[in-house]
Structure formats: structure tokens, C-alpha cells
Amino acid sequence: MVKVPMTAKETLEAPQLLELYRQMMLIRVFEEECARQYMQGNIHGFLHLYIGEEAIAVGSISTLRDQDYVVTHYRDHGHALAKGIDSKSAMAELFGKATGCSRGKGGSMHLFDTSKNFMGGYAIVAGQMPVAAGLALAAKSKGEDRLVICYLGDGALNEGEFHESMNLASIWKLPVIYFCENNLYGMGAPVWDTLALADNIYKLAESYNMPGMRLNGMDVLEVREVTQEASEHVRSGKGPIFLEAQTYRFRGHSIADPAEYRHGIEVEDWLEKDPIVTFKRKLLDEGRASEQELSDIDGAVMKEIEEAAKFADDSPFPEIDTLFEDVYADQPVPSNSGRLTE
């Protein structure tokens, strides 16, 4: 197995630690609000919540530079917020409004913002992996100082795109981090029933001659540290790396999934590892933050998400005349001012 040397742990100052906490809280409250808005009929279609996995997006993306790309799967809200997409813009997109980051045409699974180098969530399982390889190839060909971080779920490991992308990335030594969020279930199927290497997913990287590492996806500081080391490896020109973060989604696969296939004891065990609760306890126990500071952050986040929901609700839906905008090729516009013919 190819290994990446680990350097000494970085020491974060209080403002940096509080910012990590704020971002995780922002994602958690945003997702809880999405669940409420879905039940009220303001969000339609599929909705996959990131509750429980916040430490991964926040810890890993906090190590990136502005010019670095993020590509992810359909459980993409957390990554989008961590990469800097405004909560109002993200919420409006989920509402299908014109003020959304994808102008109301993408919805929950297709958040996109090139100004943040957030290159989209993708609804096709593993479909984001060739896109990430392409972005990395373009960056390398142009001599650009940037890397790509590509998030995937454990369900993507059995797809052909996974193997094709890993192989090409290794052969061409592309600047990409493939980051597997192993939440133990691909929809309702436990990973140990669908993947022969379920106990050692990170070792899949060995077949492609690239480093593979496992980390605790419920610990934001460990995620940050390991991703920082991975980034240095990739930026040095040594090629891609594969990370497996062990984590757990506290809700079902989607908002419509009651997740009755999971045992109560298993869920309770993982709830005790809640990345926000444990990080808050750590900050308090070590004297790195006060109850008042954390309470102020909680209040500010609640206010921000309330304003985001109101902004989304008040925003207009896209005009029908914009139907043929934002497409890859020119499209013939119907004679009736862009409206579909009957």
C-alpha cells in the first residue's frame, strides 16, 4: 500500500475553531429547515439531507484554496454551503426560484456555482467522477495551480465510472482527491451486503497504485488534518489519492425514506458520535470557546436560515421565456415567444 507521510498536527486558533463550528451548525440548521419546507410543499422532488455528515464537508473544504474545484453527488447541500455558496441562493434553488444558484432549474440535486468553483451535484451515481477527472486533466494541461476534490458515496464503488476514473486519474497523475463518504448504506442496502471489500474500502486504491486512507468522518479536526495531508500530496504532482471517511446519515436515504432497515441500537450508537455535539463538548472542555460564544453562533445561524427561507419564499419562479437559456447548444425558440407549443 502506498502511504502518505503525516506531518505534525496544526494548531488552530479560537476563531478558526469557532468558524468550523459555525459552518457545521449552518449546514445542520439549513438541512432541518429544508425538511420543514419539504413537508410544507415548498420543496419538491428528491431531497437528500446531509444531517450527521457535516464534519466531512466542513473539515475537508476548509483546507482548499478558492481556485480549487469541488464536485459531488446528489447529497450536495453541505458541500455547497462549505464551499461558500450563499444560504439564500442555495435555499432559493431548492424552492425552484429564479434567484437560486442554478436559477431554479437544478433543484436539490444540482446546486452549481462557478464563481465558487463548485461544479455541481450529480444525480447519477458515480456520474461526478469522470467530471472530476476531466476538471483535473484540464487544470494539469493548463498548468493551473488547483486541485479537484470529488465526493462520492459508498454506493458509487460498484459503478463502472468509479473504476474508469480511478484508473485514468492514476495513469495521468491527476490532481484529484476522491473522497468516499461511507455512511454504510447505498439507499437501503448495507455496504457489507453489496461490496466484497466493505471492511477495507480504502484499500480499493491499491488496485490503481494510489494512496488510500481511512479516517473518522465524525471528527472535523481529523478530517481537516487528513485532507490537508492529502492535498499536499496531490499538489506536489504525485497524483491522486483516495480517502474513506466513516460516517453516518442520521436521516433516511431521502426525505421519503423512513430507514426502517436500520436497527435502533445502531442509530443510537452513531447519534452519540454527532460531530457537532462532540466538537462543541471538546471546545468547552478544552476552554477554546465559551457557552456564550457558541450560543451566539447558534442564534446567528438560526437567523440566517430564517432569512434564507423567507428570501426563497418571496423570490419569483423562473419566467417561461428562460426555458431555453443556460443550455449547451443553441436551441430553436418556438415562435410563441419561447412558450412550449400545445
Protein backbone atom coordinates (compact mmCIF):
# COMPACT_ATOMS: atom_id res chain seq x y z
CA MET A 1 0.00 0.00 0.00
CA VAL A 2 1.27 3.45 -0.92
CA LYS A 3 1.37 5.68 2.15
CA VAL A 4 1.37 9.42 2.64
CA PRO A 5 3.65 10.73 5.39
CA MET A 6 1.83 12.58 8.15
CA THR A 7 3.34 15.79 9.47
CA ALA A 8 2.76 17.35 12.87
CA LYS A 9 -0.80 18.37 13.65
CA GLU A 10 -1.60 22.01 13.02
CA THR A 11 -2.70 24.22 15.88
CA LEU A 12 -5.86 26.16 15.13
CA GLU A 13 -6.65 29.41 16.86
CA ALA A 14 -10.00 30.03 18.54
CA PRO A 15 -11.51 31.99 15.60
CA GLN A 16 -10.72 29.11 13.23
CA LEU A 17 -12.28 26.57 15.57
CA LEU A 18 -15.40 28.70 16.00
CA GLU A 19 -15.69 29.03 12.23
CA LEU A 20 -15.62 25.25 11.85
CA TYR A 21 -18.38 25.02 14.44
CA ARG A 22 -20.39 27.76 12.71
CA GLN A 23 -20.21 26.06 9.34
CA MET A 24 -21.32 22.71 10.74
CA MET A 25 -24.22 24.38 12.55
CA LEU A 26 -25.13 26.27 9.37
CA ILE A 27 -25.40 23.02 7.42
CA ARG A 28 -27.37 21.28 10.19
CA VAL A 29 -29.92 24.07 10.59
CA PHE A 30 -30.17 24.53 6.82
CA GLU A 31 -30.98 20.85 6.37
CA GLU A 32 -33.51 20.84 9.20
CA GLU A 33 -35.21 23.82 7.59
CA CYS A 34 -35.22 22.01 4.24
CA ALA A 35 -37.05 19.11 5.85
CA ARG A 36 -39.70 21.50 7.22
CA GLN A 37 -40.09 23.31 3.91
CA TYR A 38 -40.46 19.99 2.09
CA MET A 39 -43.31 18.98 4.38
CA GLN A 40 -44.94 22.35 3.73
CA GLY A 41 -44.80 21.73 -0.01
CA ASN A 42 -42.26 24.43 -0.83
CA ILE A 43 -39.57 21.97 -1.93
CA HIS A 44 -40.44 19.30 -4.48
CA GLY A 45 -38.79 16.25 -5.97
CA PHE A 46 -35.97 14.37 -4.27
CA LEU A 47 -34.36 15.71 -1.12
CA HIS A 48 -31.31 14.04 0.40
CA LEU A 49 -30.26 15.51 3.73
CA TYR A 50 -26.66 15.73 4.96
CA ILE A 51 -27.51 15.63 8.66
CA GLY A 52 -24.80 13.72 10.55
CA GLU A 53 -22.10 14.12 7.91
CA GLU A 54 -21.32 17.81 8.41
CA ALA A 55 -17.77 17.26 9.67
CA ILE A 56 -16.69 15.88 6.30
CA ALA A 57 -17.72 18.83 4.15
CA VAL A 58 -16.54 21.42 6.64
CA GLY A 59 -13.29 19.74 7.62
CA SER A 60 -12.16 18.91 4.10
CA ILE A 61 -13.29 22.01 2.22
CA SER A 62 -11.72 24.25 4.88
CA THR A 63 -8.33 23.09 3.57
CA LEU A 64 -9.00 24.13 -0.03
CA ARG A 65 -7.99 27.27 -1.86
CA ASP A 66 -10.52 29.45 -3.67
CA GLN A 67 -9.37 28.20 -7.07
CA ASP A 68 -9.85 24.52 -6.17
CA TYR A 69 -12.84 22.67 -7.60
CA VAL A 70 -15.49 20.74 -5.70
CA VAL A 71 -17.60 18.10 -7.47
CA THR A 72 -20.07 15.98 -5.58
CA HIS A 73 -23.07 13.69 -5.52
CA TYR A 74 -26.76 14.45 -5.05
CA ARG A 75 -26.46 14.87 -1.24
CA ASP A 76 -24.78 18.16 -2.04
CA HIS A 77 -26.18 20.90 0.22
CA GLY A 78 -23.43 20.59 2.83
CA HIS A 79 -20.62 20.76 0.31
CA ALA A 80 -22.20 23.77 -1.39
CA LEU A 81 -22.51 25.74 1.84
CA ALA A 82 -18.99 24.79 2.96
CA LYS A 83 -17.60 25.98 -0.40
CA GLY A 84 -19.19 29.37 0.17
CA ILE A 85 -22.48 29.30 -1.72
CA ASP A 86 -24.82 31.75 0.00
CA SER A 87 -27.55 30.10 2.06
CA LYS A 88 -30.21 32.29 0.45
CA SER A 89 -29.08 31.28 -3.03
CA ALA A 90 -29.00 27.60 -2.05
CA MET A 91 -32.41 27.67 -0.40
CA ALA A 92 -33.93 29.51 -3.34
CA GLU A 93 -32.61 26.82 -5.65
CA LEU A 94 -34.33 24.13 -3.59
CA PHE A 95 -37.55 26.14 -3.90
CA GLY A 96 -37.04 26.23 -7.69
CA LYS A 97 -36.78 30.01 -7.71
CA ALA A 98 -35.03 32.24 -10.24
CA THR A 99 -32.76 33.65 -7.53
CA GLY A 100 -31.29 30.20 -6.87
CA CYS A 101 -27.67 29.37 -7.64
CA SER A 102 -28.82 27.34 -10.68
CA ARG A 103 -31.58 29.83 -11.49
CA GLY A 104 -34.22 27.45 -10.20
CA LYS A 105 -33.52 24.85 -12.86
CA GLY A 106 -31.42 22.40 -10.89
CA GLY A 107 -33.09 21.88 -7.56
CA SER A 108 -31.73 19.94 -4.61
CA MET A 109 -29.50 17.53 -6.52
CA HIS A 110 -27.97 20.05 -8.92
CA LEU A 111 -26.60 23.00 -6.98
CA PHE A 112 -23.95 24.77 -9.08
CA ASP A 113 -21.91 27.96 -8.77
CA THR A 114 -18.90 28.56 -10.99
CA SER A 115 -18.00 31.72 -9.08
CA LYS A 116 -17.19 29.45 -6.13
CA ASN A 117 -15.71 26.69 -8.32
CA PHE A 118 -18.49 24.46 -7.04
CA MET A 119 -19.01 22.39 -10.15
CA GLY A 120 -22.21 20.69 -9.23
CA GLY A 121 -24.04 17.93 -7.54
CA TYR A 122 -24.88 14.99 -9.83
CA ALA A 123 -27.92 12.73 -9.63
CA ILE A 124 -26.32 9.80 -11.47
CA VAL A 125 -24.46 7.58 -9.02
CA ALA A 126 -20.70 7.99 -9.70
CA GLY A 127 -21.50 10.33 -12.59
CA GLN A 128 -19.48 13.08 -10.95
CA MET A 129 -16.26 11.06 -11.03
CA PRO A 130 -15.45 11.42 -14.75
CA VAL A 131 -16.33 15.12 -14.46
CA ALA A 132 -13.79 15.46 -11.66
CA ALA A 133 -11.17 13.66 -13.72
CA GLY A 134 -11.87 15.98 -16.63
CA LEU A 135 -11.52 19.09 -14.49
CA ALA A 136 -8.27 17.75 -13.04
CA LEU A 137 -6.94 16.94 -16.51
CA ALA A 138 -7.80 20.43 -17.72
CA ALA A 139 -6.08 22.01 -14.73
CA LYS A 140 -2.94 19.92 -15.24
CA SER A 141 -2.87 20.54 -19.01
CA LYS A 142 -3.12 24.30 -18.45
CA GLY A 143 -0.52 24.29 -15.72
CA GLU A 144 -3.00 25.71 -13.24
CA ASP A 145 -2.27 25.51 -9.52
CA ARG A 146 -5.51 23.90 -8.43
CA LEU A 147 -6.85 20.54 -7.36
CA VAL A 148 -10.22 18.83 -7.52
CA ILE A 149 -11.95 17.17 -4.61
CA CYS A 150 -14.64 14.71 -5.65
CA TYR A 151 -17.12 13.37 -3.09
CA LEU A 152 -18.84 10.05 -3.60
CA GLY A 153 -20.92 7.68 -1.53
CA ASP A 154 -20.16 4.03 -0.86
CA GLY A 155 -22.90 3.17 -3.36
CA ALA A 156 -20.70 4.54 -6.15
CA LEU A 157 -17.98 1.96 -5.59
CA ASN A 158 -19.73 -0.69 -7.67
CA GLU A 159 -20.19 1.57 -10.68
CA GLY A 160 -18.03 1.43 -13.78
CA GLU A 161 -17.36 5.18 -13.64
CA PHE A 162 -15.58 4.67 -10.32
CA HIS A 163 -13.05 2.23 -11.74
CA GLU A 164 -12.57 4.07 -15.02
CA SER A 165 -11.98 7.39 -13.27
CA MET A 166 -9.64 5.98 -10.63
CA ASN A 167 -7.60 4.23 -13.33
CA LEU A 168 -7.21 7.26 -15.59
CA ALA A 169 -6.52 9.60 -12.68
CA SER A 170 -3.69 7.35 -11.56
CA ILE A 171 -2.19 6.81 -15.01
CA TRP A 172 -2.20 10.54 -15.76
CA LYS A 173 -1.29 11.57 -12.18
CA LEU A 174 -4.19 13.96 -12.00
CA PRO A 175 -4.55 16.46 -9.12
CA VAL A 176 -7.73 14.97 -7.68
CA ILE A 177 -8.82 13.70 -4.27
CA TYR A 178 -11.55 11.07 -4.44
CA PHE A 179 -13.34 11.32 -1.10
CA CYS A 180 -15.69 8.46 -0.23
CA GLU A 181 -18.32 9.31 2.39
CA ASN A 182 -19.00 5.81 3.67
CA ASN A 183 -22.28 6.14 5.56
CA LEU A 184 -22.73 2.34 5.48
CA TYR A 185 -25.79 2.28 3.21
CA GLY A 186 -26.37 2.68 -0.51
CA MET A 187 -30.03 3.69 -0.37
CA GLY A 188 -31.35 0.85 1.83
CA ALA A 189 -28.66 -1.72 1.07
CA PRO A 190 -25.94 -2.15 3.70
CA VAL A 191 -22.46 -1.87 2.23
CA TRP A 192 -21.42 -5.24 3.65
CA ASP A 193 -24.12 -6.90 1.50
CA THR A 194 -23.08 -5.19 -1.73
CA LEU A 195 -19.30 -4.73 -1.65
CA ALA A 196 -16.76 -7.53 -1.24
CA LEU A 197 -14.21 -5.18 0.33
CA ALA A 198 -16.70 -3.49 2.67
CA ASP A 199 -14.42 -3.72 5.73
CA ASN A 200 -11.48 -2.10 3.95
CA ILE A 201 -12.90 0.26 1.34
CA TYR A 202 -9.84 2.49 1.37
CA LYS A 203 -7.77 -0.43 0.08
CA LEU A 204 -9.56 -0.21 -3.26
CA ALA A 205 -6.96 2.44 -4.08
CA GLU A 206 -4.22 -0.21 -4.13
CA SER A 207 -5.58 -1.61 -7.40
CA TYR A 208 -4.87 1.76 -9.01
CA ASN A 209 -1.47 2.34 -7.44
CA MET A 210 -2.60 5.36 -5.46
CA PRO A 211 -2.59 6.07 -1.71
CA GLY A 212 -5.69 5.09 0.23
CA MET A 213 -6.51 6.27 3.73
CA ARG A 214 -9.34 5.79 6.22
CA LEU A 215 -10.45 8.48 8.63
CA ASN A 216 -13.10 9.25 11.21
CA GLY A 217 -15.73 11.25 9.32
CA MET A 218 -17.40 12.32 12.57
CA ASP A 219 -14.35 14.31 13.73
CA VAL A 220 -13.99 17.63 11.92
CA LEU A 221 -10.39 18.13 13.05
CA GLU A 222 -9.28 14.69 11.88
CA VAL A 223 -10.99 15.24 8.55
CA ARG A 224 -9.22 18.57 8.19
CA GLU A 225 -5.83 17.14 9.10
CA VAL A 226 -6.02 14.15 6.78
CA THR A 227 -7.38 16.22 3.89
CA GLN A 228 -4.59 18.75 4.35
CA GLU A 229 -2.02 15.98 4.07
CA ALA A 230 -3.79 14.57 1.02
CA SER A 231 -3.87 18.00 -0.60
CA GLU A 232 -0.13 18.46 -0.14
CA HIS A 233 0.46 15.07 -1.75
CA VAL A 234 -1.72 15.92 -4.74
CA ARG A 235 -0.37 19.46 -5.18
CA SER A 236 3.19 18.11 -5.25
CA GLY A 237 2.43 16.35 -8.53
CA LYS A 238 2.39 12.83 -7.11
CA GLY A 239 -1.06 12.08 -8.46
CA PRO A 240 -4.47 11.34 -6.96
CA ILE A 241 -5.40 9.97 -3.57
CA PHE A 242 -8.43 8.10 -2.24
CA LEU A 243 -9.93 8.83 1.19
CA GLU A 244 -12.60 6.85 3.01
CA ALA A 245 -14.41 8.69 5.78
CA GLN A 246 -16.55 6.53 8.02
CA THR A 247 -19.73 8.42 8.81
CA TYR A 248 -23.49 8.06 9.21
CA ARG A 249 -26.55 9.85 7.91
CA PHE A 250 -28.98 10.45 10.74
CA ARG A 251 -31.98 10.59 8.39
CA GLY A 252 -33.10 8.16 5.71
CA HIS A 253 -31.58 7.99 2.25
CA SER A 254 -34.03 10.66 1.15
CA ILE A 255 -36.79 12.58 2.88
CA ALA A 256 -39.23 9.87 1.79
CA ASP A 257 -37.21 7.04 3.37
CA PRO A 258 -38.24 6.01 6.92
CA ALA A 259 -34.99 3.98 7.18
CA GLU A 260 -36.70 1.06 8.90
CA TYR A 261 -33.92 -1.23 7.66
CA ARG A 262 -31.58 0.19 10.33
CA HIS A 263 -31.59 -1.14 13.88
CA GLY A 264 -32.38 1.29 16.67
CA ILE A 265 -29.25 0.38 18.62
CA GLU A 266 -27.10 1.16 15.59
CA VAL A 267 -28.71 4.56 15.14
CA GLU A 268 -28.38 5.41 18.84
CA ASP A 269 -24.71 4.46 18.80
CA TRP A 270 -23.98 6.79 15.91
CA LEU A 271 -26.08 9.61 17.37
CA GLU A 272 -23.70 9.63 20.32
CA LYS A 273 -20.95 10.46 17.81
CA ASP A 274 -22.81 13.51 16.47
CA PRO A 275 -19.97 15.63 15.00
CA ILE A 276 -21.46 18.92 16.19
CA VAL A 277 -22.24 17.77 19.74
CA THR A 278 -18.83 16.16 20.23
CA PHE A 279 -16.96 19.14 18.77
CA LYS A 280 -18.90 21.56 20.96
CA ARG A 281 -18.05 19.47 24.02
CA LYS A 282 -14.38 19.44 23.02
CA LEU A 283 -14.27 23.23 22.64
CA LEU A 284 -15.86 23.74 26.05
CA ASP A 285 -13.80 21.10 27.85
CA GLU A 286 -10.54 22.50 26.50
CA GLY A 287 -11.51 26.10 27.17
CA ARG A 288 -11.30 27.02 23.48
CA ALA A 289 -14.77 28.56 23.48
CA SER A 290 -17.39 29.71 25.95
CA GLU A 291 -21.05 28.78 26.19
CA GLN A 292 -21.93 32.36 25.27
CA GLU A 293 -19.78 32.33 22.14
CA LEU A 294 -21.34 29.11 20.91
CA SER A 295 -24.83 30.31 21.81
CA ASP A 296 -24.24 33.50 19.83
CA ILE A 297 -23.20 31.42 16.83
CA ASP A 298 -26.30 29.25 17.16
CA GLY A 299 -28.52 32.32 17.25
CA ALA A 300 -26.84 33.93 14.24
CA VAL A 301 -27.17 30.71 12.23
CA MET A 302 -30.86 30.37 13.11
CA LYS A 303 -31.46 33.95 11.99
CA GLU A 304 -29.55 33.41 8.74
CA ILE A 305 -31.57 30.33 7.82
CA GLU A 306 -34.85 32.01 8.71
CA GLU A 307 -33.91 34.84 6.36
CA ALA A 308 -32.87 32.33 3.68
CA ALA A 309 -36.26 30.60 3.83
CA LYS A 310 -38.09 33.93 3.62
CA PHE A 311 -35.90 35.03 0.72
CA ALA A 312 -36.65 31.80 -1.14
CA ASP A 313 -40.37 32.05 -0.45
CA ASP A 314 -40.52 35.67 -1.64
CA SER A 315 -38.45 35.07 -4.77
CA PRO A 316 -40.10 34.62 -8.18
CA PHE A 317 -40.17 31.43 -10.20
CA PRO A 318 -38.20 31.48 -13.48
CA GLU A 319 -40.01 33.06 -16.41
CA ILE A 320 -41.11 30.62 -19.08
CA ASP A 321 -39.08 32.61 -21.63
CA THR A 322 -35.89 31.49 -19.87
CA LEU A 323 -36.59 27.83 -20.65
CA PHE A 324 -34.05 27.72 -23.46
CA GLU A 325 -31.32 29.66 -21.66
CA ASP A 326 -28.30 28.03 -19.99
CA VAL A 327 -28.11 25.07 -22.36
CA TYR A 328 -25.01 23.65 -24.02
CA ALA A 329 -26.08 24.31 -27.62
CA ASP A 330 -28.28 26.81 -29.38
CA GLN A 331 -31.89 25.72 -29.37
CA PRO A 332 -34.63 26.75 -31.77
CA VAL A 333 -37.01 29.08 -29.94
CA PRO A 334 -40.71 28.44 -30.62
CA SER A 335 -42.48 31.23 -32.43
CA ASN A 336 -44.78 31.97 -29.48
CA SER A 337 -42.13 33.93 -27.51
CA GLY A 338 -40.42 30.91 -26.01
CA ARG A 339 -43.54 29.17 -24.77
CA LEU A 340 -43.95 25.50 -25.50
CA THR A 341 -46.28 24.68 -28.38
CA GLU A 342 -49.51 22.95 -27.49
